Amino acid sequence: MNWDAISTIAEVVGAAAVVGTLIYLAIQIRQGNDNDRVQGMQQLGRDYAAHTAVVTSDEMVGSFMKGLKRYGDLSPEERAKFEYCVGGYINLGEAALYHAEVSRLQEAMEMLSAYLGPRVFAYPGFREWWRHGDRAGFAASTQQWVDEQIANNTETTPFWEYGSG
């Protein structure tokens, strides 16, 4: 065997090694992306559960439900509580938007929209707050998403029944 043949064989083996390495790296990147998606969904779920626990606490739930009915009827203290509650949900939407853009977690946005739409965005009190509230704390994409949710959730029957108080 001459040196030309050995050189050719070495080049073929080297090229195969490069292709094999690229395939291995592609598989590793894909698994890493899948893990990132799972972790993102888990974190959004934990954040949602933690915020909902605060919203449904004895201290906050009355102001939240009253504000959903009519924001203008809230006292200054109740407004602060209501704004914390709905602002937190919008922040969750903002986080989901970020994950949808970066990690391609579109299903997170779909789930959040399907859940918050009829439970928060469809209520007249939320709409009143959103129209007159300070949106500066939210990204333009988040504001657009909330506007779309309001437009898409025009149910006249509220998801939650609430009393007169």
N, C-alpha and C. Protein backbone atom coordinates (compact mmCIF):
# COMPACT_ATOMS: atom_id res chain seq x y z
N MET A 1 0.85 -1.16 0.00
CA MET A 1 0.00 0.00 0.00
C MET A 1 0.91 1.24 0.00
N ASN A 2 0.61 2.16 -0.85
CA ASN A 2 1.45 3.36 -0.92
C ASN A 2 0.88 4.48 -0.04
N TRP A 3 1.64 5.55 0.05
CA TRP A 3 1.26 6.65 0.94
C TRP A 3 0.00 7.37 0.45
N ASP A 4 -0.24 7.40 -0.83
CA ASP A 4 -1.45 8.04 -1.36
C ASP A 4 -2.70 7.30 -0.90
N ALA A 5 -2.65 5.98 -0.93
CA ALA A 5 -3.80 5.18 -0.49
C ALA A 5 -4.03 5.37 1.00
N ILE A 6 -2.96 5.36 1.77
CA ILE A 6 -3.09 5.56 3.23
C ILE A 6 -3.67 6.95 3.51
N SER A 7 -3.22 7.96 2.79
CA SER A 7 -3.71 9.32 2.96
C SER A 7 -5.20 9.41 2.64
N THR A 8 -5.61 8.75 1.56
CA THR A 8 -7.02 8.75 1.17
C THR A 8 -7.88 8.07 2.23
N ILE A 9 -7.43 6.95 2.74
CA ILE A 9 -8.16 6.23 3.80
C ILE A 9 -8.27 7.09 5.05
N ALA A 10 -7.20 7.77 5.41
CA ALA A 10 -7.21 8.64 6.59
C ALA A 10 -8.20 9.79 6.42
N GLU A 11 -8.28 10.35 5.21
CA GLU A 11 -9.23 11.44 4.95
C GLU A 11 -10.67 10.95 5.07
N VAL A 12 -10.93 9.76 4.54
CA VAL A 12 -12.28 9.18 4.62
C VAL A 12 -12.66 8.93 6.08
N VAL A 13 -11.75 8.35 6.84
CA VAL A 13 -12.00 8.08 8.26
C VAL A 13 -12.21 9.40 9.00
N GLY A 14 -11.41 10.41 8.70
CA GLY A 14 -11.55 11.71 9.34
C GLY A 14 -12.88 12.36 9.02
N ALA A 15 -13.29 12.29 7.76
CA ALA A 15 -14.57 12.86 7.35
C ALA A 15 -15.73 12.13 8.05
N ALA A 16 -15.63 10.81 8.14
CA ALA A 16 -16.67 10.03 8.83
C ALA A 16 -16.74 10.42 10.31
N ALA A 17 -15.57 10.65 10.91
CA ALA A 17 -15.54 11.06 12.32
C ALA A 17 -16.19 12.42 12.50
N VAL A 18 -15.94 13.34 11.57
CA VAL A 18 -16.56 14.67 11.64
C VAL A 18 -18.08 14.56 11.50
N VAL A 19 -18.54 13.77 10.54
CA VAL A 19 -19.98 13.58 10.36
C VAL A 19 -20.59 12.94 11.60
N GLY A 20 -19.93 11.93 12.13
CA GLY A 20 -20.42 11.27 13.35
C GLY A 20 -20.50 12.25 14.52
N THR A 21 -19.49 13.10 14.67
CA THR A 21 -19.48 14.09 15.74
C THR A 21 -20.61 15.09 15.56
N LEU A 22 -20.84 15.53 14.33
CA LEU A 22 -21.94 16.46 14.07
C LEU A 22 -23.30 15.84 14.40
N ILE A 23 -23.48 14.60 14.05
CA ILE A 23 -24.74 13.90 14.37
C ILE A 23 -24.91 13.80 15.88
N TYR A 24 -23.84 13.43 16.58
CA TYR A 24 -23.88 13.34 18.03
C TYR A 24 -24.24 14.69 18.65
N LEU A 25 -23.60 15.76 18.19
CA LEU A 25 -23.88 17.09 18.73
C LEU A 25 -25.32 17.52 18.44
N ALA A 26 -25.83 17.20 17.27
CA ALA A 26 -27.21 17.54 16.93
C ALA A 26 -28.18 16.84 17.87
N ILE A 27 -27.90 15.57 18.17
CA ILE A 27 -28.75 14.83 19.11
C ILE A 27 -28.69 15.44 20.50
N GLN A 28 -27.49 15.81 20.93
CA GLN A 28 -27.33 16.42 22.25
C GLN A 28 -28.04 17.77 22.35
N ILE A 29 -27.94 18.56 21.31
CA ILE A 29 -28.62 19.86 21.29
C ILE A 29 -30.13 19.67 21.33
N ARG A 30 -30.62 18.72 20.57
CA ARG A 30 -32.06 18.47 20.56
C ARG A 30 -32.54 18.02 21.94
N GLN A 31 -31.79 17.13 22.58
CA GLN A 31 -32.17 16.69 23.93
C GLN A 31 -32.11 17.86 24.91
N GLY A 32 -31.11 18.71 24.76
CA GLY A 32 -31.00 19.89 25.62
C GLY A 32 -32.18 20.83 25.43
N ASN A 33 -32.60 21.02 24.19
CA ASN A 33 -33.77 21.87 23.91
C ASN A 33 -35.03 21.27 24.50
N ASP A 34 -35.17 19.95 24.37
CA ASP A 34 -36.34 19.28 24.97
C ASP A 34 -36.34 19.46 26.48
N ASN A 35 -35.17 19.32 27.10
CA ASN A 35 -35.08 19.52 28.56
C ASN A 35 -35.41 20.95 28.93
N ASP A 36 -34.94 21.91 28.16
CA ASP A 36 -35.25 23.32 28.42
C ASP A 36 -36.75 23.58 28.32
N ARG A 37 -37.39 22.98 27.36
CA ARG A 37 -38.85 23.14 27.21
C ARG A 37 -39.57 22.58 28.42
N VAL A 38 -39.18 21.40 28.85
CA VAL A 38 -39.81 20.79 30.01
C VAL A 38 -39.60 21.64 31.25
N GLN A 39 -38.38 22.10 31.45
CA GLN A 39 -38.10 22.94 32.62
C GLN A 39 -38.86 24.26 32.56
N GLY A 40 -38.97 24.84 31.38
CA GLY A 40 -39.74 26.07 31.22
C GLY A 40 -41.21 25.86 31.57
N MET A 41 -41.80 24.78 31.10
CA MET A 41 -43.19 24.47 31.42
C MET A 41 -43.36 24.24 32.93
N GLN A 42 -42.43 23.51 33.51
CA GLN A 42 -42.52 23.25 34.95
C GLN A 42 -42.43 24.55 35.74
N GLN A 43 -41.51 25.44 35.35
CA GLN A 43 -41.37 26.70 36.07
C GLN A 43 -42.61 27.56 35.93
N LEU A 44 -43.16 27.62 34.73
CA LEU A 44 -44.40 28.39 34.54
C LEU A 44 -45.53 27.81 35.39
N GLY A 45 -45.60 26.50 35.47
CA GLY A 45 -46.61 25.86 36.31
C GLY A 45 -46.42 26.19 37.77
N ARG A 46 -45.18 26.15 38.23
CA ARG A 46 -44.90 26.50 39.64
C ARG A 46 -45.23 27.96 39.91
N ASP A 47 -44.85 28.84 39.00
CA ASP A 47 -45.13 30.26 39.17
C ASP A 47 -46.63 30.53 39.19
N TYR A 48 -47.35 29.87 38.29
CA TYR A 48 -48.80 30.05 38.25
C TYR A 48 -49.44 29.57 39.54
N ALA A 49 -49.03 28.40 40.01
CA ALA A 49 -49.60 27.85 41.24
C ALA A 49 -49.29 28.76 42.43
N ALA A 50 -48.09 29.28 42.50
CA ALA A 50 -47.71 30.16 43.61
C ALA A 50 -48.53 31.45 43.58
N HIS A 51 -48.69 32.03 42.41
CA HIS A 51 -49.46 33.28 42.32
C HIS A 51 -50.94 33.02 42.62
N THR A 52 -51.47 31.93 42.12
CA THR A 52 -52.87 31.61 42.37
C THR A 52 -53.12 31.36 43.86
N ALA A 53 -52.15 30.79 44.54
CA ALA A 53 -52.29 30.59 46.00
C ALA A 53 -52.41 31.94 46.70
N VAL A 54 -51.66 32.93 46.26
CA VAL A 54 -51.76 34.26 46.86
C VAL A 54 -53.10 34.89 46.51
N VAL A 55 -53.50 34.81 45.25
CA VAL A 55 -54.76 35.43 44.80
C VAL A 55 -55.95 34.85 45.54
N THR A 56 -55.93 33.56 45.79
CA THR A 56 -57.07 32.91 46.43
C THR A 56 -56.97 32.89 47.95
N SER A 57 -55.97 33.56 48.49
CA SER A 57 -55.86 33.64 49.95
C SER A 57 -57.00 34.49 50.50
N ASP A 58 -57.32 34.28 51.77
CA ASP A 58 -58.41 35.03 52.40
C ASP A 58 -58.20 36.53 52.30
N GLU A 59 -56.96 36.96 52.36
CA GLU A 59 -56.65 38.39 52.33
C GLU A 59 -56.90 39.02 50.95
N MET A 60 -56.74 38.25 49.87
CA MET A 60 -56.77 38.83 48.53
C MET A 60 -58.02 38.50 47.71
N VAL A 61 -58.62 37.34 47.94
CA VAL A 61 -59.65 36.85 47.03
C VAL A 61 -60.86 37.78 46.95
N GLY A 62 -61.25 38.39 48.06
CA GLY A 62 -62.40 39.29 48.04
C GLY A 62 -62.18 40.48 47.13
N SER A 63 -61.02 41.09 47.25
CA SER A 63 -60.69 42.24 46.39
C SER A 63 -60.58 41.82 44.93
N PHE A 64 -60.01 40.66 44.68
CA PHE A 64 -59.87 40.16 43.32
C PHE A 64 -61.23 39.94 42.68
N MET A 65 -62.10 39.23 43.36
CA MET A 65 -63.42 38.93 42.80
C MET A 65 -64.27 40.20 42.65
N LYS A 66 -64.20 41.09 43.63
CA LYS A 66 -64.94 42.35 43.54
C LYS A 66 -64.41 43.18 42.37
N GLY A 67 -63.10 43.22 42.20
CA GLY A 67 -62.51 43.98 41.11
C GLY A 67 -62.85 43.41 39.74
N LEU A 68 -62.96 42.09 39.64
CA LEU A 68 -63.36 41.49 38.38
C LEU A 68 -64.76 41.95 37.99
N LYS A 69 -65.60 42.11 38.98
CA LYS A 69 -66.98 42.54 38.72
C LYS A 69 -67.01 44.00 38.29
N ARG A 70 -66.33 44.87 39.08
CA ARG A 70 -66.32 46.30 38.74
C ARG A 70 -65.13 46.96 39.43
N TYR A 71 -64.15 47.30 38.66
CA TYR A 71 -62.92 47.91 39.19
C TYR A 71 -63.20 49.23 39.89
N GLY A 72 -64.10 50.01 39.35
CA GLY A 72 -64.41 51.33 39.90
C GLY A 72 -65.00 51.30 41.30
N ASP A 73 -65.51 50.17 41.74
CA ASP A 73 -66.10 50.06 43.08
C ASP A 73 -65.07 49.77 44.17
N LEU A 74 -63.83 49.59 43.80
CA LEU A 74 -62.81 49.21 44.78
C LEU A 74 -62.30 50.41 45.56
N SER A 75 -62.04 50.18 46.84
CA SER A 75 -61.36 51.19 47.66
C SER A 75 -59.89 51.23 47.24
N PRO A 76 -59.14 52.25 47.66
CA PRO A 76 -57.71 52.28 47.30
C PRO A 76 -56.95 51.02 47.74
N GLU A 77 -57.25 50.51 48.92
CA GLU A 77 -56.58 49.29 49.39
C GLU A 77 -56.96 48.09 48.52
N GLU A 78 -58.25 47.99 48.19
CA GLU A 78 -58.70 46.89 47.35
C GLU A 78 -58.11 47.00 45.94
N ARG A 79 -57.97 48.22 45.44
CA ARG A 79 -57.37 48.41 44.11
C ARG A 79 -55.94 47.90 44.09
N ALA A 80 -55.20 48.21 45.15
CA ALA A 80 -53.81 47.74 45.22
C ALA A 80 -53.76 46.21 45.20
N LYS A 81 -54.64 45.58 45.94
CA LYS A 81 -54.68 44.12 45.96
C LYS A 81 -55.08 43.57 44.59
N PHE A 82 -56.11 44.17 44.00
CA PHE A 82 -56.58 43.72 42.69
C PHE A 82 -55.48 43.87 41.65
N GLU A 83 -54.81 45.02 41.66
CA GLU A 83 -53.75 45.26 40.69
C GLU A 83 -52.60 44.28 40.87
N TYR A 84 -52.30 43.92 42.10
CA TYR A 84 -51.27 42.90 42.34
C TYR A 84 -51.71 41.57 41.73
N CYS A 85 -52.96 41.21 41.95
CA CYS A 85 -53.47 39.93 41.45
C CYS A 85 -53.44 39.86 39.93
N VAL A 86 -54.06 40.84 39.26
CA VAL A 86 -54.12 40.77 37.80
C VAL A 86 -52.75 41.05 37.18
N GLY A 87 -51.98 41.92 37.81
CA GLY A 87 -50.63 42.17 37.30
C GLY A 87 -49.77 40.93 37.33
N GLY A 88 -49.93 40.14 38.37
CA GLY A 88 -49.18 38.88 38.47
C GLY A 88 -49.56 37.91 37.36
N TYR A 89 -50.86 37.85 37.05
CA TYR A 89 -51.28 36.97 35.96
C TYR A 89 -50.73 37.47 34.62
N ILE A 90 -50.73 38.78 34.43
CA ILE A 90 -50.17 39.31 33.18
C ILE A 90 -48.67 39.04 33.13
N ASN A 91 -47.99 39.14 34.26
CA ASN A 91 -46.56 38.81 34.29
C ASN A 91 -46.33 37.35 33.91
N LEU A 92 -47.23 36.47 34.32
CA LEU A 92 -47.12 35.07 33.90
C LEU A 92 -47.28 34.96 32.38
N GLY A 93 -48.21 35.71 31.85
CA GLY A 93 -48.38 35.73 30.40
C GLY A 93 -47.13 36.25 29.71
N GLU A 94 -46.52 37.27 30.30
CA GLU A 94 -45.29 37.82 29.74
C GLU A 94 -44.17 36.78 29.75
N ALA A 95 -44.07 36.04 30.84
CA ALA A 95 -43.05 34.99 30.92
C ALA A 95 -43.32 33.90 29.88
N ALA A 96 -44.59 33.55 29.72
CA ALA A 96 -44.94 32.53 28.73
C ALA A 96 -44.65 33.03 27.31
N LEU A 97 -44.91 34.31 27.06
CA LEU A 97 -44.58 34.88 25.75
C LEU A 97 -43.08 34.77 25.49
N TYR A 98 -42.29 35.09 26.50
CA TYR A 98 -40.83 34.98 26.36
C TYR A 98 -40.44 33.54 26.05
N HIS A 99 -40.99 32.61 26.80
CA HIS A 99 -40.66 31.19 26.56
C HIS A 99 -41.13 30.76 25.18
N ALA A 100 -42.27 31.26 24.74
CA ALA A 100 -42.78 30.89 23.42
C ALA A 100 -41.83 31.39 22.33
N GLU A 101 -41.27 32.58 22.53
CA GLU A 101 -40.36 33.14 21.53
C GLU A 101 -38.99 32.46 21.57
N VAL A 102 -38.47 32.23 22.76
CA VAL A 102 -37.11 31.71 22.90
C VAL A 102 -37.07 30.19 22.82
N SER A 103 -37.96 29.54 23.54
CA SER A 103 -37.90 28.08 23.65
C SER A 103 -38.96 27.37 22.83
N ARG A 104 -39.71 28.14 22.10
CA ARG A 104 -40.79 27.57 21.29
C ARG A 104 -41.81 26.82 22.14
N LEU A 105 -42.19 27.43 23.24
CA LEU A 105 -43.20 26.83 24.12
C LEU A 105 -44.57 27.38 23.79
N GLN A 106 -44.96 27.24 22.55
CA GLN A 106 -46.25 27.78 22.12
C GLN A 106 -47.40 27.17 22.91
N GLU A 107 -47.25 25.91 23.30
CA GLU A 107 -48.33 25.27 24.06
C GLU A 107 -48.54 25.96 25.40
N ALA A 108 -47.50 26.55 25.97
CA ALA A 108 -47.65 27.29 27.22
C ALA A 108 -48.55 28.49 27.01
N MET A 109 -48.37 29.20 25.92
CA MET A 109 -49.21 30.35 25.62
C MET A 109 -50.65 29.93 25.38
N GLU A 110 -50.83 28.84 24.68
CA GLU A 110 -52.18 28.37 24.40
C GLU A 110 -52.90 27.98 25.69
N MET A 111 -52.19 27.28 26.58
CA MET A 111 -52.81 26.89 27.85
C MET A 111 -53.13 28.10 28.71
N LEU A 112 -52.20 29.03 28.79
CA LEU A 112 -52.41 30.21 29.61
C LEU A 112 -53.56 31.05 29.05
N SER A 113 -53.62 31.20 27.76
CA SER A 113 -54.71 31.96 27.13
C SER A 113 -56.05 31.29 27.39
N ALA A 114 -56.09 29.98 27.24
CA ALA A 114 -57.34 29.25 27.45
C ALA A 114 -57.80 29.32 28.91
N TYR A 115 -56.85 29.41 29.81
CA TYR A 115 -57.21 29.45 31.22
C TYR A 115 -57.55 30.86 31.69
N LEU A 116 -56.66 31.81 31.42
CA LEU A 116 -56.87 33.17 31.92
C LEU A 116 -57.95 33.92 31.15
N GLY A 117 -58.13 33.58 29.89
CA GLY A 117 -59.14 34.28 29.09
C GLY A 117 -60.49 34.35 29.76
N PRO A 118 -61.14 33.22 29.99
CA PRO A 118 -62.47 33.27 30.60
C PRO A 118 -62.44 33.53 32.11
N ARG A 119 -61.32 33.34 32.77
CA ARG A 119 -61.26 33.49 34.22
C ARG A 119 -60.85 34.88 34.66
N VAL A 120 -60.22 35.65 33.80
CA VAL A 120 -59.77 36.99 34.17
C VAL A 120 -60.12 38.01 33.09
N PHE A 121 -59.68 37.77 31.86
CA PHE A 121 -59.78 38.78 30.82
C PHE A 121 -61.20 39.07 30.37
N ALA A 122 -62.13 38.15 30.57
CA ALA A 122 -63.50 38.34 30.12
C ALA A 122 -64.31 39.23 31.06
N TYR A 123 -63.81 39.49 32.24
CA TYR A 123 -64.58 40.23 33.24
C TYR A 123 -64.53 41.74 33.00
N PRO A 124 -65.65 42.40 33.22
CA PRO A 124 -65.70 43.85 32.99
C PRO A 124 -64.74 44.63 33.88
N GLY A 125 -64.53 44.18 35.10
CA GLY A 125 -63.62 44.88 36.00
C GLY A 125 -62.19 44.82 35.51
N PHE A 126 -61.80 43.67 34.96
CA PHE A 126 -60.45 43.58 34.41
C PHE A 126 -60.31 44.50 33.21
N ARG A 127 -61.30 44.51 32.36
CA ARG A 127 -61.26 45.35 31.16
C ARG A 127 -61.17 46.83 31.53
N GLU A 128 -61.93 47.20 32.54
CA GLU A 128 -61.90 48.59 33.02
C GLU A 128 -60.50 48.93 33.54
N TRP A 129 -59.95 48.05 34.35
CA TRP A 129 -58.60 48.27 34.88
C TRP A 129 -57.59 48.37 33.74
N TRP A 130 -57.67 47.49 32.78
CA TRP A 130 -56.71 47.48 31.69
C TRP A 130 -56.80 48.76 30.85
N ARG A 131 -58.03 49.23 30.61
CA ARG A 131 -58.21 50.46 29.83
C ARG A 131 -57.61 51.67 30.54
N HIS A 132 -57.76 51.73 31.85
CA HIS A 132 -57.37 52.92 32.61
C HIS A 132 -56.10 52.74 33.42
N GLY A 133 -55.53 51.54 33.41
CA GLY A 133 -54.37 51.27 34.25
C GLY A 133 -53.06 51.70 33.61
N ASP A 134 -52.02 51.53 34.37
CA ASP A 134 -50.68 51.88 33.90
C ASP A 134 -50.06 50.65 33.24
N ARG A 135 -49.91 50.70 31.94
CA ARG A 135 -49.37 49.57 31.17
C ARG A 135 -47.86 49.64 31.03
N ALA A 136 -47.24 50.70 31.54
CA ALA A 136 -45.81 50.92 31.30
C ALA A 136 -44.95 49.78 31.83
N GLY A 137 -45.43 49.05 32.80
CA GLY A 137 -44.64 47.96 33.36
C GLY A 137 -44.63 46.70 32.52
N PHE A 138 -45.39 46.69 31.44
CA PHE A 138 -45.49 45.50 30.61
C PHE A 138 -44.92 45.77 29.22
N ALA A 139 -44.27 44.77 28.66
CA ALA A 139 -43.68 44.89 27.33
C ALA A 139 -44.79 45.10 26.29
N ALA A 140 -44.43 45.70 25.17
CA ALA A 140 -45.40 45.95 24.10
C ALA A 140 -46.04 44.65 23.62
N SER A 141 -45.24 43.58 23.53
CA SER A 141 -45.79 42.29 23.09
C SER A 141 -46.80 41.75 24.10
N THR A 142 -46.56 42.01 25.38
CA THR A 142 -47.49 41.58 26.42
C THR A 142 -48.78 42.38 26.32
N GLN A 143 -48.66 43.68 26.14
CA GLN A 143 -49.85 44.52 25.99
C GLN A 143 -50.69 44.07 24.80
N GLN A 144 -50.03 43.75 23.70
CA GLN A 144 -50.73 43.27 22.52
C GLN A 144 -51.43 41.94 22.81
N TRP A 145 -50.74 41.06 23.53
CA TRP A 145 -51.34 39.76 23.88
C TRP A 145 -52.58 39.94 24.73
N VAL A 146 -52.51 40.83 25.74
CA VAL A 146 -53.67 41.07 26.61
C VAL A 146 -54.81 41.66 25.78
N ASP A 147 -54.53 42.60 24.90
CA ASP A 147 -55.57 43.17 24.04
C ASP A 147 -56.23 42.08 23.20
N GLU A 148 -55.44 41.16 22.67
CA GLU A 148 -55.98 40.06 21.88
C GLU A 148 -56.85 39.15 22.75
N GLN A 149 -56.41 38.89 23.98
CA GLN A 149 -57.20 38.05 24.89
C GLN A 149 -58.54 38.70 25.20
N ILE A 150 -58.52 39.99 25.43
CA ILE A 150 -59.77 40.71 25.71
C ILE A 150 -60.70 40.61 24.51
N ALA A 151 -60.16 40.81 23.32
CA ALA A 151 -60.98 40.73 22.11
C ALA A 151 -61.53 39.32 21.88
N ASN A 152 -60.77 38.31 22.26
CA ASN A 152 -61.18 36.92 22.04
C ASN A 152 -62.08 36.36 23.13
N ASN A 153 -62.20 37.05 24.25
CA ASN A 153 -62.99 36.55 25.38
C ASN A 153 -64.11 37.53 25.67
N THR A 154 -65.17 37.40 24.89
CA THR A 154 -66.29 38.32 25.00
C THR A 154 -67.52 37.66 25.61
N GLU A 155 -67.30 36.56 26.32
CA GLU A 155 -68.41 35.85 26.94
C GLU A 155 -69.18 36.78 27.87
N THR A 156 -70.49 36.70 27.82
CA THR A 156 -71.30 37.52 28.73
C THR A 156 -71.55 36.80 30.04
N THR A 157 -71.42 35.49 30.04
CA THR A 157 -71.59 34.73 31.28
C THR A 157 -70.23 34.54 31.92
N PRO A 158 -70.04 35.06 33.12
CA PRO A 158 -68.73 34.94 33.77
C PRO A 158 -68.40 33.49 34.12
N PHE A 159 -67.13 33.20 34.11
CA PHE A 159 -66.67 31.85 34.45
C PHE A 159 -66.98 31.56 35.91
N TRP A 160 -66.65 32.53 36.79
CA TRP A 160 -66.91 32.37 38.20
C TRP A 160 -68.19 33.10 38.57
N GLU A 161 -69.00 32.45 39.36
CA GLU A 161 -70.18 33.14 39.89
C GLU A 161 -69.74 34.02 41.03
N TYR A 162 -70.28 35.20 41.10
CA TYR A 162 -69.94 36.06 42.21
C TYR A 162 -71.19 36.77 42.71
N GLY A 163 -71.17 37.06 43.96
CA GLY A 163 -72.32 37.68 44.60
C GLY A 163 -72.34 39.18 44.37
N SER A 164 -73.24 39.84 45.05
CA SER A 164 -73.39 41.29 44.86
C SER A 164 -72.34 42.07 45.61
N GLY A 165 -71.62 41.47 46.56
CA GLY A 165 -70.64 42.22 47.34
C GLY A 165 -69.30 41.97 46.87
